[in-house]
PDB file of N, CA and C in Angstrom:
ATOM      1  N   MET A   1      60.361  32.015 -24.166  1.00  0.00           N
ATOM      2  CA  MET A   1      61.563  31.743 -23.406  1.00  0.00           C
ATOM      3  C   MET A   1      61.643  32.703 -22.225  1.00  0.00           C
ATOM      4  N   SER A   2      61.926  32.173 -21.081  1.00  0.00           N
ATOM      5  CA  SER A   2      62.025  32.958 -19.865  1.00  0.00           C
ATOM      6  C   SER A   2      63.380  33.645 -19.769  1.00  0.00           C
ATOM      7  N   ALA A   3      63.406  34.807 -19.116  1.00  0.00           N
ATOM      8  CA  ALA A   3      64.673  35.510 -18.878  1.00  0.00           C
ATOM      9  C   ALA A   3      65.566  34.704 -17.946  1.00  0.00           C
ATOM     10  N   PHE A   4      64.965  33.787 -17.187  1.00  0.00           N
ATOM     11  CA  PHE A   4      65.724  32.969 -16.243  1.00  0.00           C
ATOM     12  C   PHE A   4      65.770  31.519 -16.685  1.00  0.00           C
ATOM     13  N   ASP A   5      65.995  31.298 -17.951  1.00  0.00           N
ATOM     14  CA  ASP A   5      66.071  29.958 -18.495  1.00  0.00           C
ATOM     15  C   ASP A   5      67.491  29.689 -18.944  1.00  0.00           C
ATOM     16  N   PRO A   6      68.285  28.864 -18.357  1.00  0.00           N
ATOM     17  CA  PRO A   6      67.930  28.012 -17.232  1.00  0.00           C
ATOM     18  C   PRO A   6      67.886  28.813 -15.930  1.00  0.00           C
ATOM     19  N   LYS A   7      67.154  28.301 -15.005  1.00  0.00           N
ATOM     20  CA  LYS A   7      66.975  28.964 -13.716  1.00  0.00           C
ATOM     21  C   LYS A   7      68.329  29.110 -13.016  1.00  0.00           C
ATOM     22  N   PRO A   8      68.648  30.333 -12.555  1.00  0.00           N
ATOM     23  CA  PRO A   8      69.946  30.524 -11.898  1.00  0.00           C
ATOM     24  C   PRO A   8      70.013  29.785 -10.559  1.00  0.00           C
ATOM     25  N   SER A   9      71.210  29.369 -10.211  1.00  0.00           N
ATOM     26  CA  SER A   9      71.387  28.694  -8.926  1.00  0.00           C
ATOM     27  C   SER A   9      71.453  29.727  -7.807  1.00  0.00           C
ATOM     28  N   LEU A  10      71.010  29.331  -6.625  1.00  0.00           N
ATOM     29  CA  LEU A  10      71.069  30.189  -5.443  1.00  0.00           C
ATOM     30  C   LEU A  10      72.063  29.598  -4.461  1.00  0.00           C
ATOM     31  N   VAL A  11      72.911  30.451  -3.920  1.00  0.00           N
ATOM     32  CA  VAL A  11      73.895  30.027  -2.940  1.00  0.00           C
ATOM     33  C   VAL A  11      73.792  30.966  -1.748  1.00  0.00           C
ATOM     34  N   GLN A  12      73.500  30.423  -0.586  1.00  0.00           N
ATOM     35  CA  GLN A  12      73.462  31.232   0.634  1.00  0.00           C
ATOM     36  C   GLN A  12      74.834  31.170   1.288  1.00  0.00           C
ATOM     37  N   VAL A  13      75.352  32.340   1.633  1.00  0.00           N
ATOM     38  CA  VAL A  13      76.665  32.397   2.263  1.00  0.00           C
ATOM     39  C   VAL A  13      76.587  33.202   3.553  1.00  0.00           C
ATOM     40  N   GLU A  14      77.276  32.735   4.551  1.00  0.00           N
ATOM     41  CA  GLU A  14      77.300  33.420   5.846  1.00  0.00           C
ATOM     42  C   GLU A  14      78.046  34.750   5.771  1.00  0.00           C
ATOM     43  N   SER A  15      78.935  34.886   4.800  1.00  0.00           N
ATOM     44  CA  SER A  15      79.738  36.104   4.715  1.00  0.00           C
ATOM     45  C   SER A  15      78.895  37.358   4.483  1.00  0.00           C
ATOM     46  N   LEU A  16      77.692  37.214   3.914  1.00  0.00           N
ATOM     47  CA  LEU A  16      76.824  38.369   3.691  1.00  0.00           C
ATOM     48  C   LEU A  16      75.986  38.734   4.916  1.00  0.00           C
ATOM     49  N   ALA A  17      76.074  37.937   5.970  1.00  0.00           N
ATOM     50  CA  ALA A  17      75.373  38.268   7.217  1.00  0.00           C
ATOM     51  C   ALA A  17      76.002  39.526   7.807  1.00  0.00           C
ATOM     52  N   PRO A  18      75.277  40.249   8.659  1.00  0.00           N
ATOM     53  CA  PRO A  18      75.808  41.505   9.213  1.00  0.00           C
ATOM     54  C   PRO A  18      77.204  41.394   9.841  1.00  0.00           C
ATOM     55  N   GLU A  19      77.528  40.266  10.425  1.00  0.00           N
ATOM     56  CA  GLU A  19      78.845  40.130  11.059  1.00  0.00           C
ATOM     57  C   GLU A  19      79.912  39.617  10.096  1.00  0.00           C
ATOM     58  N   GLY A  20      79.570  39.421   8.825  1.00  0.00           N
ATOM     59  CA  GLY A  20      80.524  38.927   7.834  1.00  0.00           C
ATOM     60  C   GLY A  20      81.574  39.976   7.486  1.00  0.00           C
ATOM     61  N   SER A  21      82.724  39.514   7.033  1.00  0.00           N
ATOM     62  CA  SER A  21      83.812  40.430   6.675  1.00  0.00           C
ATOM     63  C   SER A  21      83.918  40.571   5.157  1.00  0.00           C
ATOM     64  N   TYR A  22      84.521  41.663   4.744  1.00  0.00           N
ATOM     65  CA  TYR A  22      84.755  41.900   3.322  1.00  0.00           C
ATOM     66  C   TYR A  22      85.604  40.779   2.732  1.00  0.00           C
ATOM     67  N   GLU A  23      86.627  40.381   3.444  1.00  0.00           N
ATOM     68  CA  GLU A  23      87.517  39.323   2.967  1.00  0.00           C
ATOM     69  C   GLU A  23      86.764  38.011   2.752  1.00  0.00           C
ATOM     70  N   ALA A  24      85.825  37.696   3.655  1.00  0.00           N
ATOM     71  CA  ALA A  24      85.034  36.473   3.517  1.00  0.00           C
ATOM     72  C   ALA A  24      84.100  36.556   2.312  1.00  0.00           C
ATOM     73  N   ILE A  25      83.535  37.743   2.072  1.00  0.00           N
ATOM     74  CA  ILE A  25      82.653  37.921   0.911  1.00  0.00           C
ATOM     75  C   ILE A  25      83.443  37.743  -0.379  1.00  0.00           C
ATOM     76  N   VAL A  26      84.623  38.342  -0.438  1.00  0.00           N
ATOM     77  CA  VAL A  26      85.461  38.205  -1.632  1.00  0.00           C
ATOM     78  C   VAL A  26      85.853  36.740  -1.841  1.00  0.00           C
ATOM     79  N   ALA A  27      86.157  36.037  -0.763  1.00  0.00           N
ATOM     80  CA  ALA A  27      86.493  34.608  -0.877  1.00  0.00           C
ATOM     81  C   ALA A  27      85.298  33.822  -1.418  1.00  0.00           C
ATOM     82  N   ASP A  28      84.086  34.147  -0.960  1.00  0.00           N
ATOM     83  CA  ASP A  28      82.892  33.468  -1.482  1.00  0.00           C
ATOM     84  C   ASP A  28      82.653  33.816  -2.945  1.00  0.00           C
ATOM     85  N   LEU A  29      82.923  35.051  -3.338  1.00  0.00           N
ATOM     86  CA  LEU A  29      82.794  35.440  -4.750  1.00  0.00           C
ATOM     87  C   LEU A  29      83.765  34.646  -5.611  1.00  0.00           C
ATOM     88  N   GLU A  30      84.977  34.476  -5.124  1.00  0.00           N
ATOM     89  CA  GLU A  30      85.987  33.743  -5.884  1.00  0.00           C
ATOM     90  C   GLU A  30      85.573  32.294  -6.136  1.00  0.00           C
ATOM     91  N   LYS A  31      84.792  31.731  -5.234  1.00  0.00           N
ATOM     92  CA  LYS A  31      84.297  30.363  -5.419  1.00  0.00           C
ATOM     93  C   LYS A  31      83.308  30.277  -6.586  1.00  0.00           C
ATOM     94  N   GLN A  32      82.772  31.422  -6.999  1.00  0.00           N
ATOM     95  CA  GLN A  32      81.801  31.472  -8.100  1.00  0.00           C
ATOM     96  C   GLN A  32      82.437  32.007  -9.378  1.00  0.00           C
ATOM     97  N   SER A  33      83.744  31.974  -9.479  1.00  0.00           N
ATOM     98  CA  SER A  33      84.466  32.630 -10.569  1.00  0.00           C
ATOM     99  C   SER A  33      84.128  32.094 -11.962  1.00  0.00           C
ATOM    100  N   ARG A  34      83.573  30.925 -12.068  1.00  0.00           N
ATOM    101  CA  ARG A  34      83.204  30.383 -13.387  1.00  0.00           C
ATOM    102  C   ARG A  34      81.929  31.021 -13.943  1.00  0.00           C
ATOM    103  N   LYS A  35      81.185  31.695 -13.093  1.00  0.00           N
ATOM    104  CA  LYS A  35      79.934  32.325 -13.512  1.00  0.00           C
ATOM    105  C   LYS A  35      80.222  33.700 -14.106  1.00  0.00           C
ATOM    106  N   SER A  36      79.476  34.071 -15.136  1.00  0.00           N
ATOM    107  CA  SER A  36      79.681  35.380 -15.756  1.00  0.00           C
ATOM    108  C   SER A  36      78.839  36.462 -15.089  1.00  0.00           C
ATOM    109  N   ARG A  37      77.813  36.051 -14.347  1.00  0.00           N
ATOM    110  CA  ARG A  37      76.946  37.012 -13.646  1.00  0.00           C
ATOM    111  C   ARG A  37      76.661  36.492 -12.249  1.00  0.00           C
ATOM    112  N   ILE A  38      76.878  37.357 -11.281  1.00  0.00           N
ATOM    113  CA  ILE A  38      76.621  37.005  -9.884  1.00  0.00           C
ATOM    114  C   ILE A  38      75.837  38.153  -9.261  1.00  0.00           C
ATOM    115  N   ALA A  39      74.756  37.844  -8.586  1.00  0.00           N
ATOM    116  CA  ALA A  39      73.971  38.856  -7.883  1.00  0.00           C
ATOM    117  C   ALA A  39      74.150  38.648  -6.385  1.00  0.00           C
ATOM    118  N   LEU A  40      74.399  39.733  -5.681  1.00  0.00           N
ATOM    119  CA  LEU A  40      74.495  39.696  -4.226  1.00  0.00           C
ATOM    120  C   LEU A  40      73.281  40.410  -3.658  1.00  0.00           C
ATOM    121  N   VAL A  41      72.699  39.848  -2.629  1.00  0.00           N
ATOM    122  CA  VAL A  41      71.529  40.443  -1.990  1.00  0.00           C
ATOM    123  C   VAL A  41      71.855  40.641  -0.523  1.00  0.00           C
ATOM    124  N   GLY A  42      71.555  41.825  -0.027  1.00  0.00           N
ATOM    125  CA  GLY A  42      71.844  42.096   1.380  1.00  0.00           C
ATOM    126  C   GLY A  42      71.021  43.256   1.890  1.00  0.00           C
ATOM    127  N   HIS A  43      71.363  43.700   3.067  1.00  0.00           N
ATOM    128  CA  HIS A  43      70.647  44.784   3.740  1.00  0.00           C
ATOM    129  C   HIS A  43      71.620  45.893   4.108  1.00  0.00           C
ATOM    130  N   GLU A  44      71.072  47.075   4.318  1.00  0.00           N
ATOM    131  CA  GLU A  44      71.872  48.194   4.767  1.00  0.00           C
ATOM    132  C   GLU A  44      72.185  48.042   6.258  1.00  0.00           C
ATOM    133  N   PRO A  45      73.301  48.557   6.724  1.00  0.00           N
ATOM    134  CA  PRO A  45      74.268  49.353   5.983  1.00  0.00           C
ATOM    135  C   PRO A  45      75.333  48.508   5.276  1.00  0.00           C
ATOM    136  N   GLY A  46      75.307  47.203   5.511  1.00  0.00           N
ATOM    137  CA  GLY A  46      76.356  46.343   4.976  1.00  0.00           C
ATOM    138  C   GLY A  46      76.458  46.319   3.467  1.00  0.00           C
ATOM    139  N   ILE A  47      75.326  46.247   2.762  1.00  0.00           N
ATOM    140  CA  ILE A  47      75.381  46.119   1.299  1.00  0.00           C
ATOM    141  C   ILE A  47      75.901  47.410   0.657  1.00  0.00           C
ATOM    142  N   GLY A  48      75.588  48.550   1.247  1.00  0.00           N
ATOM    143  CA  GLY A  48      76.096  49.824   0.723  1.00  0.00           C
ATOM    144  C   GLY A  48      77.600  49.952   0.903  1.00  0.00           C
ATOM    145  N   ALA A  49      78.086  49.510   2.065  1.00  0.00           N
ATOM    146  CA  ALA A  49      79.532  49.529   2.315  1.00  0.00           C
ATOM    147  C   ALA A  49      80.242  48.543   1.397  1.00  0.00           C
ATOM    148  N   LEU A  50      79.645  47.379   1.182  1.00  0.00           N
ATOM    149  CA  LEU A  50      80.231  46.370   0.296  1.00  0.00           C
ATOM    150  C   LEU A  50      80.305  46.880  -1.140  1.00  0.00           C
ATOM    151  N   ALA A  51      79.211  47.440  -1.650  1.00  0.00           N
ATOM    152  CA  ALA A  51      79.191  47.953  -3.023  1.00  0.00           C
ATOM    153  C   ALA A  51      80.265  49.020  -3.214  1.00  0.00           C
ATOM    154  N   ALA A  52      80.390  49.909  -2.253  1.00  0.00           N
ATOM    155  CA  ALA A  52      81.406  50.952  -2.349  1.00  0.00           C
ATOM    156  C   ALA A  52      82.804  50.352  -2.368  1.00  0.00           C
ATOM    157  N   ARG A  53      83.030  49.417  -1.500  1.00  0.00           N
ATOM    158  CA  ARG A  53      84.360  48.804  -1.420  1.00  0.00           C
ATOM    159  C   ARG A  53      84.701  48.032  -2.693  1.00  0.00           C
ATOM    160  N   LEU A  54      83.709  47.365  -3.280  1.00  0.00           N
ATOM    161  CA  LEU A  54      83.949  46.654  -4.539  1.00  0.00           C
ATOM    162  C   LEU A  54      84.350  47.612  -5.658  1.00  0.00           C
ATOM    163  N   CYS A  55      83.909  48.865  -5.548  1.00  0.00           N
ATOM    164  CA  CYS A  55      84.244  49.889  -6.548  1.00  0.00           C
ATOM    165  C   CYS A  55      85.480  50.701  -6.170  1.00  0.00           C
ATOM    166  N   GLY A  56      86.044  50.438  -5.006  1.00  0.00           N
ATOM    167  CA  GLY A  56      87.220  51.181  -4.575  1.00  0.00           C
ATOM    168  C   GLY A  56      86.910  52.501  -3.900  1.00  0.00           C
ATOM    169  N   SER A  57      85.661  52.687  -3.473  1.00  0.00           N
ATOM    170  CA  SER A  57      85.261  53.926  -2.809  1.00  0.00           C
ATOM    171  C   SER A  57      85.326  53.770  -1.291  1.00  0.00           C
ATOM    172  N   ARG A  58      85.653  54.834  -0.613  1.00  0.00           N
ATOM    173  CA  ARG A  58      85.677  54.819   0.859  1.00  0.00           C
ATOM    174  C   ARG A  58      84.337  55.225   1.447  1.00  0.00           C
ATOM    175  N   ARG A  59      83.485  55.809   0.627  1.00  0.00           N
ATOM    176  CA  ARG A  59      82.177  56.270   1.099  1.00  0.00           C
ATOM    177  C   ARG A  59      81.096  55.271   0.689  1.00  0.00           C
ATOM    178  N   ALA A  60      80.359  54.775   1.658  1.00  0.00           N
ATOM    179  CA  ALA A  60      79.320  53.771   1.401  1.00  0.00           C
ATOM    180  C   ALA A  60      78.228  54.325   0.492  1.00  0.00           C
ATOM    181  N   PHE A  61      77.695  53.458  -0.356  1.00  0.00           N
ATOM    182  CA  PHE A  61      76.537  53.811  -1.176  1.00  0.00           C
ATOM    183  C   PHE A  61      75.306  53.729  -0.284  1.00  0.00           C
ATOM    184  N   GLU A  62      74.314  54.557  -0.573  1.00  0.00           N
ATOM    185  CA  GLU A  62      73.077  54.514   0.211  1.00  0.00           C
ATOM    186  C   GLU A  62      71.996  53.827  -0.607  1.00  0.00           C
ATOM    187  N   PHE A  63      71.653  52.620  -0.192  1.00  0.00           N
ATOM    188  CA  PHE A  63      70.580  51.866  -0.836  1.00  0.00           C
ATOM    189  C   PHE A  63      69.287  52.060  -0.052  1.00  0.00           C
ATOM    190  N   LYS A  64      68.228  52.397  -0.745  1.00  0.00           N
ATOM    191  CA  LYS A  64      66.894  52.358  -0.158  1.00  0.00           C
ATOM    192  C   LYS A  64      66.364  50.951  -0.387  1.00  0.00           C
ATOM    193  N   LYS A  65      65.332  50.554   0.359  1.00  0.00           N
ATOM    194  CA  LYS A  65      64.762  49.216   0.168  1.00  0.00           C
ATOM    195  C   LYS A  65      64.370  49.020  -1.294  1.00  0.00           C
ATOM    196  N   GLY A  66      64.882  47.956  -1.886  1.00  0.00           N
ATOM    197  CA  GLY A  66      64.567  47.647  -3.273  1.00  0.00           C
ATOM    198  C   GLY A  66      65.531  48.262  -4.276  1.00  0.00           C
ATOM    199  N   GLY A  67      66.512  49.023  -3.820  1.00  0.00           N
ATOM    200  CA  GLY A  67      67.490  49.612  -4.728  1.00  0.00           C
ATOM    201  C   GLY A  67      68.472  48.557  -5.223  1.00  0.00           C
ATOM    202  N   ILE A  68      69.009  48.757  -6.416  1.00  0.00           N
ATOM    203  CA  ILE A  68      69.970  47.812  -6.989  1.00  0.00           C
ATOM    204  C   ILE A  68      71.074  48.580  -7.725  1.00  0.00           C
ATOM    205  N   CYS A  69      72.196  47.916  -7.918  1.00  0.00           N
ATOM    206  CA  CYS A  69      73.253  48.490  -8.741  1.00  0.00           C
ATOM    207  C   CYS A  69      73.967  47.370  -9.473  1.00  0.00           C
ATOM    208  N   ARG A  70      74.728  47.768 -10.474  1.00  0.00           N
ATOM    209  CA  ARG A  70      75.542  46.808 -11.228  1.00  0.00           C
ATOM    210  C   ARG A  70      76.997  47.245 -11.131  1.00  0.00           C
ATOM    211  N   ILE A  71      77.837  46.314 -10.705  1.00  0.00           N
ATOM    212  CA  ILE A  71      79.273  46.554 -10.619  1.00  0.00           C
ATOM    213  C   ILE A  71      79.957  45.468 -11.435  1.00  0.00           C
ATOM    214  N   ASP A  72      80.756  45.871 -12.400  1.00  0.00           N
ATOM    215  CA  ASP A  72      81.497  44.917 -13.224  1.00  0.00           C
ATOM    216  C   ASP A  72      82.927  44.801 -12.707  1.00  0.00           C
ATOM    217  N   VAL A  73      83.417  43.574 -12.634  1.00  0.00           N
ATOM    218  CA  VAL A  73      84.813  43.328 -12.279  1.00  0.00           C
ATOM    219  C   VAL A  73      85.453  42.566 -13.434  1.00  0.00           C
ATOM    220  N   GLU A  74      86.731  42.812 -13.627  1.00  0.00           N
ATOM    221  CA  GLU A  74      87.448  42.162 -14.724  1.00  0.00           C
ATOM    222  C   GLU A  74      87.593  40.667 -14.497  1.00  0.00           C
ATOM    223  N   THR A  75      88.031  40.285 -13.299  1.00  0.00           N
ATOM    224  CA  THR A  75      88.295  38.881 -12.995  1.00  0.00           C
ATOM    225  C   THR A  75      87.990  38.602 -11.533  1.00  0.00           C
ATOM    226  N   LEU A  76      87.799  37.336 -11.242  1.00  0.00           N
ATOM    227  CA  LEU A  76      87.744  36.850  -9.861  1.00  0.00           C
ATOM    228  C   LEU A  76      88.860  35.827  -9.733  1.00  0.00           C
ATOM    229  N   PRO A  77      89.781  35.958  -8.816  1.00  0.00           N
ATOM    230  CA  PRO A  77      89.830  36.994  -7.789  1.00  0.00           C
ATOM    231  C   PRO A  77      90.048  38.377  -8.405  1.00  0.00           C
ATOM    232  N   MET A  78      89.563  39.382  -7.702  1.00  0.00           N
ATOM    233  CA  MET A  78      89.621  40.748  -8.190  1.00  0.00           C
ATOM    234  C   MET A  78      91.062  41.242  -8.211  1.00  0.00           C
ATOM    235  N   ALA A  79      91.448  41.816  -9.350  1.00  0.00           N
ATOM    236  CA  ALA A  79      92.789  42.379  -9.493  1.00  0.00           C
ATOM    237  C   ALA A  79      92.793  43.869  -9.161  1.00  0.00           C
ATOM    238  N   GLY A  80      91.625  44.445  -9.053  1.00  0.00           N
ATOM    239  CA  GLY A  80      91.489  45.868  -8.763  1.00  0.00           C
ATOM    240  C   GLY A  80      90.029  46.185  -8.549  1.00  0.00           C
ATOM    241  N   PRO A  81      89.717  47.456  -8.362  1.00  0.00           N
ATOM    242  CA  PRO A  81      88.317  47.813  -8.111  1.00  0.00           C
ATOM    243  C   PRO A  81      87.429  47.560  -9.322  1.00  0.00           C
ATOM    244  N   GLY A  82      86.176  47.272  -9.036  1.00  0.00           N
ATOM    245  CA  GLY A  82      85.190  47.113 -10.087  1.00  0.00           C
ATOM    246  C   GLY A  82      84.702  48.465 -10.569  1.00  0.00           C
ATOM    247  N   THR A  83      83.871  48.431 -11.603  1.00  0.00           N
ATOM    248  CA  THR A  83      83.329  49.659 -12.191  1.00  0.00           C
ATOM    249  C   THR A  83      81.823  49.693 -11.978  1.00  0.00           C
ATOM    250  N   LEU A  84      81.345  50.751 -11.349  1.00  0.00           N
ATOM    251  CA  LEU A  84      79.905  50.932 -11.175  1.00  0.00           C
ATOM    252  C   LEU A  84      79.305  51.257 -12.533  1.00  0.00           C
ATOM    253  N   GLN A  85      78.419  50.396 -13.026  1.00  0.00           N
ATOM    254  CA  GLN A  85      77.777  50.609 -14.329  1.00  0.00           C
ATOM    255  C   GLN A  85      76.489  51.415 -14.195  1.00  0.00           C
ATOM    256  N   TRP A  86      75.700  51.100 -13.164  1.00  0.00           N
ATOM    257  CA  TRP A  86      74.477  51.855 -12.908  1.00  0.00           C
ATOM    258  C   TRP A  86      74.003  51.629 -11.487  1.00  0.00           C
ATOM    259  N   PHE A  87      73.187  52.567 -11.023  1.00  0.00           N
ATOM    260  CA  PHE A  87      72.607  52.519  -9.682  1.00  0.00           C
ATOM    261  C   PHE A  87      71.152  52.922  -9.834  1.00  0.00           C
ATOM    262  N   ALA A  88      70.239  52.053  -9.462  1.00  0.00           N
ATOM    263  CA  ALA A  88      68.808  52.315  -9.652  1.00  0.00           C
ATOM    264  C   ALA A  88      68.085  52.332  -8.312  1.00  0.00           C
ATOM    265  N   PRO A  89      67.551  53.484  -7.923  1.00  0.00           N
ATOM    266  CA  PRO A  89      66.754  53.534  -6.704  1.00  0.00           C
ATOM    267  C   PRO A  89      65.404  52.857  -6.935  1.00  0.00           C
ATOM    268  N   PRO A  90      64.727  52.459  -5.859  1.00  0.00           N
ATOM    269  CA  PRO A  90      63.460  51.737  -6.028  1.00  0.00           C
ATOM    270  C   PRO A  90      62.400  52.543  -6.774  1.00  0.00           C
ATOM    271  N   GLY A  91      62.400  53.852  -6.678  1.00  0.00           N
ATOM    272  CA  GLY A  91      61.408  54.666  -7.392  1.00  0.00           C
ATOM    273  C   GLY A  91      61.522  54.510  -8.893  1.00  0.00           C
ATOM    274  N   LEU A  92      62.727  54.393  -9.396  1.00  0.00           N
ATOM    275  CA  LEU A  92      62.945  54.180 -10.814  1.00  0.00           C
ATOM    276  C   LEU A  92      62.381  52.834 -11.246  1.00  0.00           C
ATOM    277  N   LEU A  93      62.634  51.840 -10.450  1.00  0.00           N
ATOM    278  CA  LEU A  93      62.115  50.500 -10.776  1.00  0.00           C
ATOM    279  C   LEU A  93      60.590  50.478 -10.788  1.00  0.00           C
ATOM    280  N   LYS A  94      59.979  51.202  -9.845  1.00  0.00           N
ATOM    281  CA  LYS A  94      58.510  51.261  -9.810  1.00  0.00           C
ATOM    282  C   LYS A  94      57.958  51.937 -11.057  1.00  0.00           C
ATOM    283  N   SER A  95      58.678  52.922 -11.589  1.00  0.00           N
ATOM    284  CA  SER A  95      58.183  53.649 -12.756  1.00  0.00           C
ATOM    285  C   SER A  95      58.225  52.823 -14.046  1.00  0.00           C
ATOM    286  N   ILE A  96      59.078  51.799 -14.095  1.00  0.00           N
ATOM    287  CA  ILE A  96      59.127  50.953 -15.299  1.00  0.00           C
ATOM    288  C   ILE A  96      58.408  49.638 -15.112  1.00  0.00           C
ATOM    289  N   LYS A  97      57.808  49.443 -13.937  1.00  0.00           N
ATOM    290  CA  LYS A  97      57.055  48.225 -13.649  1.00  0.00           C
ATOM    291  C   LYS A  97      55.887  48.082 -14.627  1.00  0.00           C
ATOM    292  N   LYS A  98      55.670  46.875 -15.103  1.00  0.00           N
ATOM    293  CA  LYS A  98      54.566  46.626 -16.056  1.00  0.00           C
ATOM    294  C   LYS A  98      53.249  46.618 -15.348  1.00  0.00           C
TER     295      LYS A  98
END
């Protein structure tokens, strides 16, 4: 059995483009509220600022290429800040690569 069985759906949204706004990203997240897991993919500096804002922080997170984090939120729409569960730099991921 594959870890991606059934294969997750992909949704491209303009709100994650560099000129997108936080409010637009949150609105796009709310459209996916029936899903229990949502992954966002982006580039710096936008993704670091977004991750921080989702957690209620004023200071942007610094993502290196290939870095990932997990932020849990209680509900969508968000009633408050999410909780940062973990932050993994790309070097850590390389060390556990098979």
